[in-house]
Protein backbone atom coordinates (compact mmCIF):
# COMPACT_ATOMS: atom_id res chain seq x y z
CA UNK A 1 26.51 23.88 9.86
CA UNK A 2 29.96 25.11 10.80
CA UNK A 3 31.64 26.66 7.77
CA UNK A 4 34.74 24.50 8.47
CA UNK A 5 32.77 21.27 8.11
CA UNK A 6 32.88 19.44 4.84
CA UNK A 7 29.34 18.62 3.59
CA UNK A 8 30.77 15.41 2.11
CA UNK A 9 31.27 14.17 5.70
CA UNK A 10 27.57 14.49 6.53
CA UNK A 11 25.54 11.34 7.08
CA UNK A 12 21.89 11.47 6.12
CA UNK A 13 19.97 9.05 8.37
CA UNK A 14 16.46 8.00 7.43
CA UNK A 15 13.93 6.92 10.07
CA UNK A 16 10.86 5.18 8.67
CA UNK A 17 7.49 5.45 10.42
CA UNK A 18 7.52 1.76 11.28
CA UNK A 19 10.92 1.97 12.97
CA UNK A 20 10.12 5.33 14.61
CA UNK A 21 7.29 3.66 16.55
CA UNK A 22 9.91 1.61 18.38
CA UNK A 23 9.61 -1.76 20.09
CA UNK A 24 9.16 -2.05 23.86
CA UNK A 25 11.61 -4.31 25.64
CA UNK A 26 12.05 -5.03 29.34
CA UNK A 27 14.78 -7.65 28.99
CA UNK A 28 18.02 -7.69 27.02
CA UNK A 29 20.08 -10.83 26.58
CA UNK A 30 23.67 -10.20 25.51
CA UNK A 31 26.00 -12.84 24.08
CA UNK A 32 29.25 -12.59 22.18
CA UNK A 33 31.77 -14.45 20.08
CA UNK A 34 35.29 -13.43 19.18
CA UNK A 35 33.97 -11.29 16.31
CA UNK A 36 30.54 -9.94 17.37
CA UNK A 37 28.19 -9.02 20.17
CA UNK A 38 24.52 -10.02 19.90
CA UNK A 39 21.84 -8.17 21.85
CA UNK A 40 18.38 -9.74 21.87
CA UNK A 41 15.61 -7.45 23.08
CA UNK A 42 12.68 -9.31 24.65
CA UNK A 43 9.28 -8.28 25.99
CA UNK A 44 8.36 -10.37 29.05
CA UNK A 45 4.72 -10.25 30.14
CA UNK A 46 3.52 -11.07 33.66
CA UNK A 47 2.14 -14.58 34.02
CA UNK A 48 3.23 -15.60 30.52
CA UNK A 49 5.94 -18.29 30.66
CA UNK A 50 7.04 -17.72 27.04
CA UNK A 51 8.56 -14.55 25.60
CA UNK A 52 9.63 -13.70 22.06
CA UNK A 53 12.71 -11.86 20.94
CA UNK A 54 11.35 -8.63 19.46
CA UNK A 55 14.60 -7.37 17.96
CA UNK A 56 18.17 -8.60 17.53
CA UNK A 57 21.14 -6.26 17.08
CA UNK A 58 24.58 -7.49 15.99
CA UNK A 59 27.63 -5.33 16.73
CA UNK A 60 31.35 -5.56 16.25
CA UNK A 61 33.30 -5.51 19.54
CA UNK A 62 34.42 -1.94 18.75
CA UNK A 63 30.83 -0.78 18.21
CA UNK A 64 29.70 -2.58 21.37
CA UNK A 65 32.32 -0.66 23.36
CA UNK A 66 31.21 2.63 21.75
CA UNK A 67 27.59 1.80 22.60
CA UNK A 68 28.58 1.14 26.22
CA UNK A 69 30.35 4.52 26.43
CA UNK A 70 27.39 6.31 24.82
CA UNK A 71 24.94 4.62 27.22
CA UNK A 72 27.09 5.54 30.24
CA UNK A 73 27.27 9.16 29.05
CA UNK A 74 23.51 9.36 28.47
CA UNK A 75 22.67 7.72 31.80
CA UNK A 76 24.95 10.21 33.60
CA UNK A 77 23.17 13.10 31.83
CA UNK A 78 19.74 11.65 32.66
CA UNK A 79 20.65 11.17 36.33
CA UNK A 80 22.03 14.72 36.54
CA UNK A 81 18.56 16.00 35.63
CA UNK A 82 16.22 13.34 37.10
CA UNK A 83 18.21 11.81 39.96
CA UNK A 84 19.72 8.38 40.33
CA UNK A 85 18.03 5.50 38.56
CA UNK A 86 17.04 2.93 41.17
CA UNK A 87 18.10 -0.63 40.46
CA UNK A 88 15.95 -3.57 41.47
CA UNK A 89 17.57 -6.36 43.41
CA UNK A 90 18.55 -9.53 41.67
CA UNK A 91 18.92 -10.27 38.02
CA UNK A 92 16.07 -12.77 37.71
CA UNK A 93 13.41 -12.36 35.09
CA UNK A 94 10.51 -10.45 36.68
CA UNK A 95 7.43 -12.55 35.98
CA UNK A 96 5.12 -10.38 38.09
CA UNK A 97 6.92 -7.02 37.82
CA UNK A 98 6.62 -6.54 41.59
CA UNK A 99 2.83 -6.20 41.51
CA UNK A 100 0.12 -8.47 42.86
CA UNK A 101 -0.42 -11.83 41.20
CA UNK A 102 -3.21 -11.90 38.63
CA UNK A 103 -6.40 -13.67 39.64
CA UNK A 104 -9.27 -14.90 37.52
């Protein structure tokens, strides 16, 4: 720690084992009102017409804007090391993820 930093300004963040495992999501649905942004993280499976929201995050507009800036910064850093992230065409929900259709 820098000797000029005040230890009282430190934030101790706890990460439980359950949360550390994370939740996979391949779809995010974002809505907003005048006072909050809501991000629903969903896991869509191929061939399954129903998907559940796995996590919901509520943010103030100010925090949503900070999250956007942090994501843009991190994506730029990622692309500087790994190359451009390729975007798929369209915004539709990928029911087959671009692979062959399942057969029984």
